[in-house]
C-alpha atoms as a PDB file:
ATOM      1  CA  UNK A   1     -80.067 -24.211  44.697  1.00  0.00           C
ATOM      2  CA  UNK A   2     -78.056 -26.559  42.548  1.00  0.00           C
ATOM      3  CA  UNK A   3     -78.729 -30.215  42.842  1.00  0.00           C
ATOM      4  CA  UNK A   4     -75.955 -31.694  41.099  1.00  0.00           C
ATOM      5  CA  UNK A   5     -73.016 -32.332  42.496  1.00  0.00           C
ATOM      6  CA  UNK A   6     -70.026 -30.793  41.240  1.00  0.00           C
ATOM      7  CA  UNK A   7     -66.309 -32.134  41.921  1.00  0.00           C
ATOM      8  CA  UNK A   8     -63.732 -29.951  43.239  1.00  0.00           C
ATOM      9  CA  UNK A   9     -62.168 -27.110  40.875  1.00  0.00           C
ATOM     10  CA  UNK A  10     -58.870 -28.028  39.524  1.00  0.00           C
ATOM     11  CA  UNK A  11     -55.745 -26.139  37.485  1.00  0.00           C
ATOM     12  CA  UNK A  12     -56.935 -24.105  34.779  1.00  0.00           C
ATOM     13  CA  UNK A  13     -60.596 -24.698  35.430  1.00  0.00           C
ATOM     14  CA  UNK A  14     -60.115 -23.145  39.147  1.00  0.00           C
ATOM     15  CA  UNK A  15     -58.797 -20.090  37.594  1.00  0.00           C
ATOM     16  CA  UNK A  16     -61.542 -19.836  34.895  1.00  0.00           C
ATOM     17  CA  UNK A  17     -64.108 -20.331  37.265  1.00  0.00           C
ATOM     18  CA  UNK A  18     -63.002 -18.060  40.094  1.00  0.00           C
ATOM     19  CA  UNK A  19     -60.863 -15.446  38.603  1.00  0.00           C
ATOM     20  CA  UNK A  20     -62.760 -11.955  38.147  1.00  0.00           C
ATOM     21  CA  UNK A  21     -65.272  -9.922  39.132  1.00  0.00           C
ATOM     22  CA  UNK A  22     -68.340 -11.368  41.257  1.00  0.00           C
ATOM     23  CA  UNK A  23     -66.659 -14.526  42.270  1.00  0.00           C
ATOM     24  CA  UNK A  24     -66.345 -16.108  45.285  1.00  0.00           C
ATOM     25  CA  UNK A  25     -68.515 -16.241  48.279  1.00  0.00           C
ATOM     26  CA  UNK A  26     -70.328 -13.048  48.548  1.00  0.00           C
ATOM     27  CA  UNK A  27     -70.240 -11.259  51.903  1.00  0.00           C
ATOM     28  CA  UNK A  28     -73.027  -9.932  54.183  1.00  0.00           C
ATOM     29  CA  UNK A  29     -73.559  -8.705  57.845  1.00  0.00           C
ATOM     30  CA  UNK A  30     -70.293  -9.997  59.164  1.00  0.00           C
ATOM     31  CA  UNK A  31     -70.106 -13.345  57.249  1.00  0.00           C
ATOM     32  CA  UNK A  32     -66.305 -13.193  56.062  1.00  0.00           C
ATOM     33  CA  UNK A  33     -65.096 -15.735  58.622  1.00  0.00           C
ATOM     34  CA  UNK A  34     -67.534 -17.953  57.273  1.00  0.00           C
ATOM     35  CA  UNK A  35     -67.061 -16.707  53.885  1.00  0.00           C
ATOM     36  CA  UNK A  36     -63.565 -17.990  53.680  1.00  0.00           C
ATOM     37  CA  UNK A  37     -63.874 -20.740  55.536  1.00  0.00           C
ATOM     38  CA  UNK A  38     -66.545 -22.202  53.151  1.00  0.00           C
ATOM     39  CA  UNK A  39     -64.201 -21.466  50.219  1.00  0.00           C
ATOM     40  CA  UNK A  40     -60.981 -22.823  51.879  1.00  0.00           C
ATOM     41  CA  UNK A  41     -63.087 -26.080  52.509  1.00  0.00           C
ATOM     42  CA  UNK A  42     -64.611 -26.929  49.383  1.00  0.00           C
ATOM     43  CA  UNK A  43     -64.098 -25.020  46.596  1.00  0.00           C
ATOM     44  CA  UNK A  44     -60.563 -27.052  45.349  1.00  0.00           C
ATOM     45  CA  UNK A  45     -60.610 -30.152  47.221  1.00  0.00           C
ATOM     46  CA  UNK A  46     -62.856 -33.013  48.102  1.00  0.00           C
ATOM     47  CA  UNK A  47     -61.044 -33.565  51.411  1.00  0.00           C
ATOM     48  CA  UNK A  48     -64.033 -32.864  53.465  1.00  0.00           C
ATOM     49  CA  UNK A  49     -66.695 -33.745  50.823  1.00  0.00           C
ATOM     50  CA  UNK A  50     -68.137 -36.511  53.842  1.00  0.00           C
ATOM     51  CA  UNK A  51     -69.821 -33.335  55.267  1.00  0.00           C
ATOM     52  CA  UNK A  52     -72.235 -32.613  52.296  1.00  0.00           C
ATOM     53  CA  UNK A  53     -72.966 -36.896  51.740  1.00  0.00           C
ATOM     54  CA  UNK A  54     -72.691 -39.061  54.802  1.00  0.00           C
ATOM     55  CA  UNK A  55     -75.411 -39.733  56.587  1.00  0.00           C
ATOM     56  CA  UNK A  56     -73.353 -38.989  60.095  1.00  0.00           C
ATOM     57  CA  UNK A  57     -75.131 -40.518  63.330  1.00  0.00           C
ATOM     58  CA  UNK A  58     -76.072 -36.775  64.442  1.00  0.00           C
ATOM     59  CA  UNK A  59     -76.468 -35.627  60.970  1.00  0.00           C
ATOM     60  CA  UNK A  60     -78.978 -32.821  60.210  1.00  0.00           C
ATOM     61  CA  UNK A  61     -79.921 -33.254  56.780  1.00  0.00           C
ATOM     62  CA  UNK A  62     -81.308 -29.851  56.508  1.00  0.00           C
ATOM     63  CA  UNK A  63     -78.324 -28.336  57.104  1.00  0.00           C
ATOM     64  CA  UNK A  64     -76.350 -30.632  55.008  1.00  0.00           C
ATOM     65  CA  UNK A  65     -78.278 -29.869  52.417  1.00  0.00           C
ATOM     66  CA  UNK A  66     -78.107 -26.312  52.430  1.00  0.00           C
ATOM     67  CA  UNK A  67     -74.398 -26.609  52.526  1.00  0.00           C
ATOM     68  CA  UNK A  68     -74.440 -28.869  49.550  1.00  0.00           C
ATOM     69  CA  UNK A  69     -76.920 -27.598  47.048  1.00  0.00           C
ATOM     70  CA  UNK A  70     -76.926 -23.954  48.273  1.00  0.00           C
ATOM     71  CA  UNK A  71     -73.418 -23.169  48.783  1.00  0.00           C
ATOM     72  CA  UNK A  72     -70.823 -25.899  47.869  1.00  0.00           C
ATOM     73  CA  UNK A  73     -72.440 -27.031  44.239  1.00  0.00           C
ATOM     74  CA  UNK A  74     -72.968 -23.335  43.159  1.00  0.00           C
ATOM     75  CA  UNK A  75     -69.774 -22.425  44.359  1.00  0.00           C
ATOM     76  CA  UNK A  76     -68.194 -25.250  42.332  1.00  0.00           C
ATOM     77  CA  UNK A  77     -70.365 -24.882  38.978  1.00  0.00           C
ATOM     78  CA  UNK A  78     -70.339 -20.856  38.489  1.00  0.00           C
ATOM     79  CA  UNK A  79     -67.570 -19.682  41.313  1.00  0.00           C
ATOM     80  CA  UNK A  80     -69.935 -17.571  42.866  1.00  0.00           C
ATOM     81  CA  UNK A  81     -72.388 -17.756  45.932  1.00  0.00           C
ATOM     82  CA  UNK A  82     -74.844 -15.480  47.062  1.00  0.00           C
ATOM     83  CA  UNK A  83     -74.795 -13.904  50.104  1.00  0.00           C
ATOM     84  CA  UNK A  84     -78.562 -14.867  51.487  1.00  0.00           C
ATOM     85  CA  UNK A  85     -77.627 -18.488  50.633  1.00  0.00           C
ATOM     86  CA  UNK A  86     -74.886 -18.297  53.266  1.00  0.00           C
ATOM     87  CA  UNK A  87     -77.913 -16.542  55.489  1.00  0.00           C
ATOM     88  CA  UNK A  88     -79.554 -19.216  55.099  1.00  0.00           C
ATOM     89  CA  UNK A  89     -76.957 -21.420  56.583  1.00  0.00           C
ATOM     90  CA  UNK A  90     -76.649 -19.200  59.367  1.00  0.00           C
ATOM     91  CA  UNK A  91     -80.015 -19.079  60.268  1.00  0.00           C
ATOM     92  CA  UNK A  92     -80.236 -22.733  60.876  1.00  0.00           C
ATOM     93  CA  UNK A  93     -77.061 -22.611  62.873  1.00  0.00           C
ATOM     94  CA  UNK A  94     -78.185 -20.057  65.229  1.00  0.00           C
ATOM     95  CA  UNK A  95     -81.761 -22.658  65.615  1.00  0.00           C
ATOM     96  CA  UNK A  96     -79.917 -25.476  66.188  1.00  0.00           C
ATOM     97  CA  UNK A  97     -76.812 -23.819  68.065  1.00  0.00           C
ATOM     98  CA  UNK A  98     -76.862 -22.468  71.206  1.00  0.00           C
ATOM     99  CA  UNK A  99     -75.589 -19.075  69.261  1.00  0.00           C
ATOM    100  CA  UNK A 100     -78.066 -16.090  69.093  1.00  0.00           C
ATOM    101  CA  UNK A 101     -75.688 -14.510  67.137  1.00  0.00           C
ATOM    102  CA  UNK A 102     -74.529 -16.302  64.328  1.00  0.00           C
ATOM    103  CA  UNK A 103     -76.833 -13.773  61.718  1.00  0.00           C
ATOM    104  CA  UNK A 104     -75.407 -10.659  62.959  1.00  0.00           C
ATOM    105  CA  UNK A 105     -72.008 -11.250  64.712  1.00  0.00           C
ATOM    106  CA  UNK A 106     -68.710 -11.659  63.462  1.00  0.00           C
ATOM    107  CA  UNK A 107     -67.369 -15.562  65.025  1.00  0.00           C
ATOM    108  CA  UNK A 108     -64.080 -17.036  65.340  1.00  0.00           C
ATOM    109  CA  UNK A 109     -63.673 -19.421  62.213  1.00  0.00           C
ATOM    110  CA  UNK A 110     -63.159 -22.381  64.904  1.00  0.00           C
ATOM    111  CA  UNK A 111     -66.317 -21.982  66.808  1.00  0.00           C
ATOM    112  CA  UNK A 112     -68.270 -22.368  63.218  1.00  0.00           C
ATOM    113  CA  UNK A 113     -66.246 -25.560  62.217  1.00  0.00           C
ATOM    114  CA  UNK A 114     -66.812 -26.980  65.820  1.00  0.00           C
ATOM    115  CA  UNK A 115     -70.523 -25.760  65.637  1.00  0.00           C
ATOM    116  CA  UNK A 116     -71.085 -27.627  62.348  1.00  0.00           C
ATOM    117  CA  UNK A 117     -68.843 -30.840  62.489  1.00  0.00           C
ATOM    118  CA  UNK A 118     -69.374 -31.445  65.918  1.00  0.00           C
ATOM    119  CA  UNK A 119     -73.206 -30.641  66.848  1.00  0.00           C
ATOM    120  CA  UNK A 120     -74.838 -30.259  63.393  1.00  0.00           C
ATOM    121  CA  UNK A 121     -73.010 -33.085  61.577  1.00  0.00           C
ATOM    122  CA  UNK A 122     -71.412 -35.353  64.462  1.00  0.00           C
ATOM    123  CA  UNK A 123     -68.142 -35.694  62.656  1.00  0.00           C
ATOM    124  CA  UNK A 124     -65.278 -37.476  64.485  1.00  0.00           C
ATOM    125  CA  UNK A 125     -62.483 -34.759  65.680  1.00  0.00           C
ATOM    126  CA  UNK A 126     -60.150 -34.466  62.520  1.00  0.00           C
ATOM    127  CA  UNK A 127     -56.663 -33.418  64.788  1.00  0.00           C
ATOM    128  CA  UNK A 128     -54.636 -35.404  67.762  1.00  0.00           C
ATOM    129  CA  UNK A 129     -52.294 -33.217  69.397  1.00  0.00           C
ATOM    130  CA  UNK A 130     -50.126 -33.720  72.230  1.00  0.00           C
ATOM    131  CA  UNK A 131     -47.914 -31.242  74.194  1.00  0.00           C
ATOM    132  CA  UNK A 132     -45.221 -32.017  76.196  1.00  0.00           C
ATOM    133  CA  UNK A 133     -45.931 -35.398  77.317  1.00  0.00           C
ATOM    134  CA  UNK A 134     -49.718 -34.425  78.624  1.00  0.00           C
ATOM    135  CA  UNK A 135     -52.674 -35.931  77.161  1.00  0.00           C
ATOM    136  CA  UNK A 136     -54.158 -36.030  74.042  1.00  0.00           C
ATOM    137  CA  UNK A 137     -56.551 -33.233  72.422  1.00  0.00           C
ATOM    138  CA  UNK A 138     -58.522 -33.849  69.829  1.00  0.00           C
ATOM    139  CA  UNK A 139     -59.785 -30.962  67.730  1.00  0.00           C
ATOM    140  CA  UNK A 140     -60.938 -29.840  63.778  1.00  0.00           C
ATOM    141  CA  UNK A 141     -58.606 -27.144  63.011  1.00  0.00           C
ATOM    142  CA  UNK A 142     -55.158 -25.941  64.422  1.00  0.00           C
ATOM    143  CA  UNK A 143     -54.705 -22.248  64.903  1.00  0.00           C
ATOM    144  CA  UNK A 144     -51.294 -20.694  64.652  1.00  0.00           C
ATOM    145  CA  UNK A 145     -50.411 -19.199  67.772  1.00  0.00           C
ATOM    146  CA  UNK A 146     -46.816 -17.603  67.771  1.00  0.00           C
ATOM    147  CA  UNK A 147     -44.898 -14.622  68.992  1.00  0.00           C
ATOM    148  CA  UNK A 148     -43.361 -12.030  66.528  1.00  0.00           C
ATOM    149  CA  UNK A 149     -40.360 -13.414  64.478  1.00  0.00           C
ATOM    150  CA  UNK A 150     -37.915 -10.575  63.050  1.00  0.00           C
ATOM    151  CA  UNK A 151     -36.813 -12.975  60.548  1.00  0.00           C
ATOM    152  CA  UNK A 152     -39.869 -14.113  58.933  1.00  0.00           C
ATOM    153  CA  UNK A 153     -41.239 -11.185  57.171  1.00  0.00           C
ATOM    154  CA  UNK A 154     -43.305 -12.664  54.475  1.00  0.00           C
ATOM    155  CA  UNK A 155     -43.489 -16.602  55.892  1.00  0.00           C
ATOM    156  CA  UNK A 156     -44.848 -19.374  54.367  1.00  0.00           C
ATOM    157  CA  UNK A 157     -47.307 -21.818  55.771  1.00  0.00           C
ATOM    158  CA  UNK A 158     -44.670 -24.559  56.278  1.00  0.00           C
ATOM    159  CA  UNK A 159     -42.372 -22.025  58.662  1.00  0.00           C
ATOM    160  CA  UNK A 160     -45.234 -20.806  60.630  1.00  0.00           C
ATOM    161  CA  UNK A 161     -46.742 -24.630  61.101  1.00  0.00           C
ATOM    162  CA  UNK A 162     -43.322 -25.542  62.544  1.00  0.00           C
ATOM    163  CA  UNK A 163     -42.412 -22.081  64.413  1.00  0.00           C
ATOM    164  CA  UNK A 164     -45.977 -22.366  66.055  1.00  0.00           C
ATOM    165  CA  UNK A 165     -45.631 -26.078  66.881  1.00  0.00           C
ATOM    166  CA  UNK A 166     -42.183 -25.723  68.474  1.00  0.00           C
ATOM    167  CA  UNK A 167     -43.402 -22.585  70.348  1.00  0.00           C
ATOM    168  CA  UNK A 168     -46.099 -24.582  71.899  1.00  0.00           C
ATOM    169  CA  UNK A 169     -44.202 -27.834  72.377  1.00  0.00           C
ATOM    170  CA  UNK A 170     -47.036 -29.774  70.436  1.00  0.00           C
ATOM    171  CA  UNK A 171     -46.710 -32.925  68.428  1.00  0.00           C
ATOM    172  CA  UNK A 172     -49.680 -34.414  65.949  1.00  0.00           C
ATOM    173  CA  UNK A 173     -50.318 -37.668  67.336  1.00  0.00           C
ATOM    174  CA  UNK A 174     -51.240 -39.266  64.257  1.00  0.00           C
ATOM    175  CA  UNK A 175     -51.171 -38.338  60.318  1.00  0.00           C
ATOM    176  CA  UNK A 176     -54.002 -36.704  60.092  1.00  0.00           C
ATOM    177  CA  UNK A 177     -56.750 -37.279  57.351  1.00  0.00           C
ATOM    178  CA  UNK A 178     -57.441 -33.406  56.872  1.00  0.00           C
ATOM    179  CA  UNK A 179     -55.255 -31.045  58.601  1.00  0.00           C
ATOM    180  CA  UNK A 180     -57.351 -27.552  58.417  1.00  0.00           C
ATOM    181  CA  UNK A 181     -55.106 -24.635  59.592  1.00  0.00           C
ATOM    182  CA  UNK A 182     -56.020 -21.184  60.683  1.00  0.00           C
ATOM    183  CA  UNK A 183     -53.212 -18.518  60.068  1.00  0.00           C
ATOM    184  CA  UNK A 184     -52.430 -15.960  62.578  1.00  0.00           C
ATOM    185  CA  UNK A 185     -54.890 -13.493  63.481  1.00  0.00           C
ATOM    186  CA  UNK A 186     -54.644  -9.670  62.576  1.00  0.00           C
ATOM    187  CA  UNK A 187     -57.280  -6.842  63.150  1.00  0.00           C
ATOM    188  CA  UNK A 188     -57.577  -3.417  61.574  1.00  0.00           C
ATOM    189  CA  UNK A 189     -54.956  -1.930  63.681  1.00  0.00           C
ATOM    190  CA  UNK A 190     -52.339  -4.789  63.505  1.00  0.00           C
ATOM    191  CA  UNK A 191     -51.221  -7.169  61.024  1.00  0.00           C
ATOM    192  CA  UNK A 192     -48.543  -9.857  62.031  1.00  0.00           C
ATOM    193  CA  UNK A 193     -47.501 -10.736  58.357  1.00  0.00           C
ATOM    194  CA  UNK A 194     -48.643  -8.420  55.630  1.00  0.00           C
ATOM    195  CA  UNK A 195     -48.475 -11.702  53.222  1.00  0.00           C
ATOM    196  CA  UNK A 196     -48.319 -15.481  53.946  1.00  0.00           C
ATOM    197  CA  UNK A 197     -47.456 -17.460  51.087  1.00  0.00           C
ATOM    198  CA  UNK A 198     -49.371 -20.952  50.735  1.00  0.00           C
ATOM    199  CA  UNK A 199     -47.225 -23.767  50.987  1.00  0.00           C
ATOM    200  CA  UNK A 200     -48.495 -25.930  48.252  1.00  0.00           C
ATOM    201  CA  UNK A 201     -47.441 -29.200  50.070  1.00  0.00           C
ATOM    202  CA  UNK A 202     -46.803 -29.427  54.160  1.00  0.00           C
ATOM    203  CA  UNK A 203     -43.951 -31.422  55.422  1.00  0.00           C
ATOM    204  CA  UNK A 204     -45.117 -32.668  59.337  1.00  0.00           C
ATOM    205  CA  UNK A 205     -42.333 -35.433  59.242  1.00  0.00           C
ATOM    206  CA  UNK A 206     -40.983 -33.042  62.279  1.00  0.00           C
ATOM    207  CA  UNK A 207     -44.391 -32.491  64.031  1.00  0.00           C
ATOM    208  CA  UNK A 208     -45.040 -36.117  64.367  1.00  0.00           C
ATOM    209  CA  UNK A 209     -44.881 -37.792  67.659  1.00  0.00           C
ATOM    210  CA  UNK A 210     -42.703 -40.489  67.949  1.00  0.00           C
ATOM    211  CA  UNK A 211     -42.241 -40.973  64.169  1.00  0.00           C
ATOM    212  CA  UNK A 212     -38.883 -42.618  63.168  1.00  0.00           C
ATOM    213  CA  UNK A 213     -36.582 -39.901  61.565  1.00  0.00           C
ATOM    214  CA  UNK A 214     -32.827 -40.022  59.967  1.00  0.00           C
ATOM    215  CA  UNK A 215     -30.037 -37.891  61.773  1.00  0.00           C
ATOM    216  CA  UNK A 216     -29.241 -35.336  59.977  1.00  0.00           C
ATOM    217  CA  UNK A 217     -25.390 -35.936  61.172  1.00  0.00           C
ATOM    218  CA  UNK A 218     -24.580 -39.689  60.938  1.00  0.00           C
ATOM    219  CA  UNK A 219     -27.751 -40.465  58.291  1.00  0.00           C
ATOM    220  CA  UNK A 220     -28.816 -43.482  61.380  1.00  0.00           C
ATOM    221  CA  UNK A 221     -32.343 -43.341  62.923  1.00  0.00           C
ATOM    222  CA  UNK A 222     -32.211 -40.395  65.218  1.00  0.00           C
ATOM    223  CA  UNK A 223     -32.287 -41.292  68.825  1.00  0.00           C
ATOM    224  CA  UNK A 224     -32.343 -37.659  70.016  1.00  0.00           C
ATOM    225  CA  UNK A 225     -34.282 -34.342  68.647  1.00  0.00           C
ATOM    226  CA  UNK A 226     -33.059 -30.872  69.376  1.00  0.00           C
ATOM    227  CA  UNK A 227     -35.500 -28.288  68.864  1.00  0.00           C
END
Protein backbone atom coordinates (compact mmCIF):
# COMPACT_ATOMS: atom_id res chain seq x y z
CA UNK A 1 0.00 0.00 0.00
CA UNK A 2 1.12 3.54 -0.80
CA UNK A 3 -0.59 6.09 1.45
CA UNK A 4 1.06 9.14 -0.12
CA UNK A 5 -1.00 10.53 -3.01
CA UNK A 6 0.79 10.92 -6.33
CA UNK A 7 -0.30 13.06 -9.30
CA UNK A 8 -0.87 11.55 -12.76
CA UNK A 9 2.18 10.87 -14.92
CA UNK A 10 2.99 13.39 -17.64
CA UNK A 11 5.20 13.60 -20.73
CA UNK A 12 8.77 12.34 -20.24
CA UNK A 13 8.01 11.38 -16.66
CA UNK A 14 5.31 9.00 -17.88
CA UNK A 15 7.71 7.43 -20.38
CA UNK A 16 10.43 6.92 -17.75
CA UNK A 17 8.11 5.33 -15.20
CA UNK A 18 5.80 3.30 -17.45
CA UNK A 19 8.15 2.02 -20.16
CA UNK A 20 9.90 -1.34 -19.88
CA UNK A 21 9.46 -4.77 -18.34
CA UNK A 22 7.34 -5.29 -15.21
CA UNK A 23 5.38 -2.12 -15.83
CA UNK A 24 1.65 -1.47 -15.84
CA UNK A 25 -0.92 -3.60 -14.01
CA UNK A 26 -0.09 -7.28 -13.67
CA UNK A 27 -2.73 -9.59 -15.12
CA UNK A 28 -4.13 -12.65 -13.37
CA UNK A 29 -7.18 -14.87 -13.77
CA UNK A 30 -9.09 -13.00 -16.53
CA UNK A 31 -8.37 -9.55 -15.10
CA UNK A 32 -7.44 -7.88 -18.41
CA UNK A 33 -10.74 -5.96 -18.73
CA UNK A 34 -10.20 -4.36 -15.32
CA UNK A 35 -6.43 -3.85 -15.70
CA UNK A 36 -6.85 -1.96 -18.98
CA UNK A 37 -9.74 0.14 -17.64
CA UNK A 38 -7.94 1.14 -14.44
CA UNK A 39 -4.73 1.98 -16.31
CA UNK A 40 -6.65 4.16 -18.79
CA UNK A 41 -8.65 5.96 -16.11
CA UNK A 42 -5.83 6.84 -13.70
CA UNK A 43 -2.26 6.47 -14.98
CA UNK A 44 -1.97 9.75 -16.90
CA UNK A 45 -5.09 11.75 -16.08
CA UNK A 46 -6.69 13.25 -12.97
CA UNK A 47 -10.17 13.70 -14.47
CA UNK A 48 -11.62 10.90 -12.33
CA UNK A 49 -9.53 11.42 -9.19
CA UNK A 50 -12.74 12.32 -7.36
CA UNK A 51 -13.35 8.55 -7.32
CA UNK A 52 -10.33 8.26 -5.03
CA UNK A 53 -11.10 11.01 -2.51
CA UNK A 54 -14.63 12.40 -2.61
CA UNK A 55 -17.08 11.07 0.00
CA UNK A 56 -19.97 10.35 -2.37
CA UNK A 57 -23.41 9.65 -0.79
CA UNK A 58 -23.24 5.91 -1.43
CA UNK A 59 -19.47 5.68 -1.24
CA UNK A 60 -17.88 2.49 0.09
CA UNK A 61 -14.72 3.82 1.74
CA UNK A 62 -13.05 0.41 1.87
CA UNK A 63 -13.26 0.00 -1.91
CA UNK A 64 -12.18 3.61 -2.37
CA UNK A 65 -9.11 3.05 -0.14
CA UNK A 66 -8.10 -0.11 -2.03
CA UNK A 67 -8.47 1.69 -5.35
CA UNK A 68 -6.38 4.66 -4.19
CA UNK A 69 -3.70 3.08 -1.94
CA UNK A 70 -3.19 -0.33 -3.57
CA UNK A 71 -3.67 0.47 -7.26
CA UNK A 72 -3.54 4.14 -8.32
CA UNK A 73 -0.80 5.43 -6.01
CA UNK A 74 1.58 2.49 -6.69
CA UNK A 75 0.90 2.82 -10.42
CA UNK A 76 1.78 6.52 -10.39
CA UNK A 77 4.76 6.08 -8.06
CA UNK A 78 6.52 3.04 -9.56
CA UNK A 79 4.59 2.27 -12.76
CA UNK A 80 3.69 -1.20 -11.51
CA UNK A 81 0.72 -2.79 -9.69
CA UNK A 82 0.79 -6.39 -8.48
CA UNK A 83 -2.03 -8.75 -9.45
CA UNK A 84 -2.94 -9.39 -5.82
CA UNK A 85 -3.90 -5.72 -5.39
CA UNK A 86 -6.39 -5.93 -8.26
CA UNK A 87 -7.63 -9.27 -6.88
CA UNK A 88 -8.27 -7.54 -3.53
CA UNK A 89 -10.46 -5.02 -5.37
CA UNK A 90 -12.22 -7.81 -7.31
CA UNK A 91 -12.99 -9.65 -4.06
CA UNK A 92 -14.58 -6.52 -2.61
CA UNK A 93 -16.63 -5.95 -5.76
CA UNK A 94 -17.84 -9.55 -5.58
CA UNK A 95 -18.98 -8.98 -1.99
CA UNK A 96 -20.71 -5.67 -2.71
CA UNK A 97 -22.32 -6.52 -6.03
CA UNK A 98 -24.69 -9.17 -7.24
CA UNK A 99 -21.91 -10.79 -9.26
CA UNK A 100 -20.30 -13.92 -7.85
CA UNK A 101 -17.72 -14.34 -10.61
CA UNK A 102 -15.80 -11.05 -10.48
CA UNK A 103 -12.74 -12.86 -9.14
CA UNK A 104 -12.63 -15.55 -11.83
CA UNK A 105 -14.49 -14.63 -15.01
CA UNK A 106 -13.78 -12.05 -17.68
CA UNK A 107 -16.30 -9.23 -17.60
CA UNK A 108 -17.23 -6.38 -19.87
CA UNK A 109 -15.41 -3.14 -18.91
CA UNK A 110 -18.76 -1.33 -18.96
CA UNK A 111 -20.11 -3.79 -16.38
CA UNK A 112 -17.14 -3.05 -14.13
CA UNK A 113 -17.48 0.73 -14.53
CA UNK A 114 -21.23 0.66 -13.84
CA UNK A 115 -20.70 -1.37 -10.70
CA UNK A 116 -17.88 0.66 -9.19
CA UNK A 117 -19.15 4.11 -10.25
CA UNK A 118 -22.88 3.63 -9.66
CA UNK A 119 -23.35 0.98 -6.98
CA UNK A 120 -20.10 1.28 -5.03
CA UNK A 121 -19.26 5.00 -5.19
CA UNK A 122 -22.59 6.53 -6.20
CA UNK A 123 -21.20 8.83 -8.91
CA UNK A 124 -23.64 10.60 -11.24
CA UNK A 125 -23.58 9.36 -14.88
CA UNK A 126 -20.89 11.07 -16.96
CA UNK A 127 -22.67 11.05 -20.34
CA UNK A 128 -26.07 12.14 -21.59
CA UNK A 129 -26.97 10.81 -25.05
CA UNK A 130 -29.98 11.17 -27.30
CA UNK A 131 -30.87 9.01 -30.29
CA UNK A 132 -33.20 10.18 -33.04
CA UNK A 133 -35.17 12.62 -30.87
CA UNK A 134 -35.97 9.98 -28.22
CA UNK A 135 -35.57 10.44 -24.47
CA UNK A 136 -32.15 11.12 -23.00
CA UNK A 137 -30.02 8.17 -21.93
CA UNK A 138 -27.49 8.44 -19.13
CA UNK A 139 -24.39 6.26 -18.94
CA UNK A 140 -20.81 6.15 -17.66
CA UNK A 141 -19.01 5.22 -20.86
CA UNK A 142 -19.66 4.90 -24.57
CA UNK A 143 -18.87 1.75 -26.49
CA UNK A 144 -18.18 2.17 -30.20
CA UNK A 145 -20.48 0.04 -32.35
CA UNK A 146 -20.06 0.13 -36.10
CA UNK A 147 -20.09 -2.00 -39.22
CA UNK A 148 -16.87 -2.80 -40.98
CA UNK A 149 -15.71 0.21 -43.00
CA UNK A 150 -13.55 -0.71 -45.99
CA UNK A 151 -12.05 2.79 -46.16
CA UNK A 152 -10.96 2.68 -42.51
CA UNK A 153 -7.88 0.48 -42.42
CA UNK A 154 -5.99 2.08 -39.54
CA UNK A 155 -8.46 4.63 -38.11
CA UNK A 156 -8.00 7.10 -35.31
CA UNK A 157 -10.37 7.51 -32.37
CA UNK A 158 -11.91 10.66 -33.86
CA UNK A 159 -12.99 8.78 -36.98
CA UNK A 160 -14.39 5.84 -35.01
CA UNK A 161 -16.44 8.03 -32.67
CA UNK A 162 -17.88 10.04 -35.56
CA UNK A 163 -18.76 6.92 -37.59
CA UNK A 164 -20.35 5.28 -34.55
CA UNK A 165 -22.45 8.30 -33.60
CA UNK A 166 -23.57 8.75 -37.21
CA UNK A 167 -24.54 5.11 -37.73
CA UNK A 168 -26.49 5.06 -34.44
CA UNK A 169 -28.07 8.51 -34.96
CA UNK A 170 -26.66 9.65 -31.62
CA UNK A 171 -25.93 13.08 -30.19
CA UNK A 172 -24.34 14.28 -26.96
CA UNK A 173 -26.93 16.29 -25.04
CA UNK A 174 -24.21 18.30 -23.31
CA UNK A 175 -20.42 18.52 -23.17
CA UNK A 176 -19.33 15.67 -20.89
CA UNK A 177 -16.98 16.31 -17.98
CA UNK A 178 -15.30 13.03 -18.87
CA UNK A 179 -15.73 11.01 -22.07
CA UNK A 180 -14.81 7.34 -21.53
CA UNK A 181 -14.78 5.51 -24.86
CA UNK A 182 -14.56 1.75 -25.31
CA UNK A 183 -12.97 0.75 -28.60
CA UNK A 184 -14.61 -1.76 -31.00
CA UNK A 185 -14.51 -5.25 -29.59
CA UNK A 186 -12.52 -8.07 -31.00
CA UNK A 187 -11.82 -11.65 -30.03
CA UNK A 188 -9.09 -14.18 -30.65
CA UNK A 189 -10.57 -15.11 -34.04
CA UNK A 190 -11.45 -11.68 -35.41
CA UNK A 191 -10.18 -8.15 -35.08
CA UNK A 192 -12.06 -5.30 -36.78
CA UNK A 193 -8.90 -3.18 -36.87
CA UNK A 194 -5.32 -4.30 -36.47
CA UNK A 195 -4.43 -0.92 -34.95
CA UNK A 196 -6.23 2.22 -33.75
CA UNK A 197 -4.37 5.52 -33.54
CA UNK A 198 -5.13 7.48 -30.35
CA UNK A 199 -6.51 10.96 -31.02
CA UNK A 200 -4.76 13.27 -28.57
CA UNK A 201 -7.65 15.71 -28.89
CA UNK A 202 -11.28 14.89 -29.66
CA UNK A 203 -13.47 17.37 -31.56
CA UNK A 204 -17.08 16.79 -30.47
CA UNK A 205 -18.52 19.89 -32.17
CA UNK A 206 -20.56 17.90 -34.69
CA UNK A 207 -21.62 15.37 -32.04
CA UNK A 208 -23.38 17.90 -29.79
CA UNK A 209 -27.16 18.28 -29.86
CA UNK A 210 -28.40 21.75 -30.90
CA UNK A 211 -24.92 23.22 -30.94
CA UNK A 212 -24.51 26.31 -33.16
CA UNK A 213 -22.12 25.52 -36.01
CA UNK A 214 -20.73 27.26 -39.03
CA UNK A 215 -22.16 26.53 -42.48
CA UNK A 216 -19.39 24.97 -44.57
CA UNK A 217 -20.74 26.78 -47.69
CA UNK A 218 -21.46 30.39 -46.65
CA UNK A 219 -19.87 30.67 -43.21
CA UNK A 220 -23.05 31.81 -41.43
CA UNK A 221 -24.70 29.90 -38.60
CA UNK A 222 -25.87 26.59 -40.07
CA UNK A 223 -29.59 25.77 -40.15
CA UNK A 224 -29.41 22.32 -41.77
CA UNK A 225 -27.25 19.30 -41.17
CA UNK A 226 -26.42 16.72 -43.83
CA UNK A 227 -25.19 13.41 -42.46
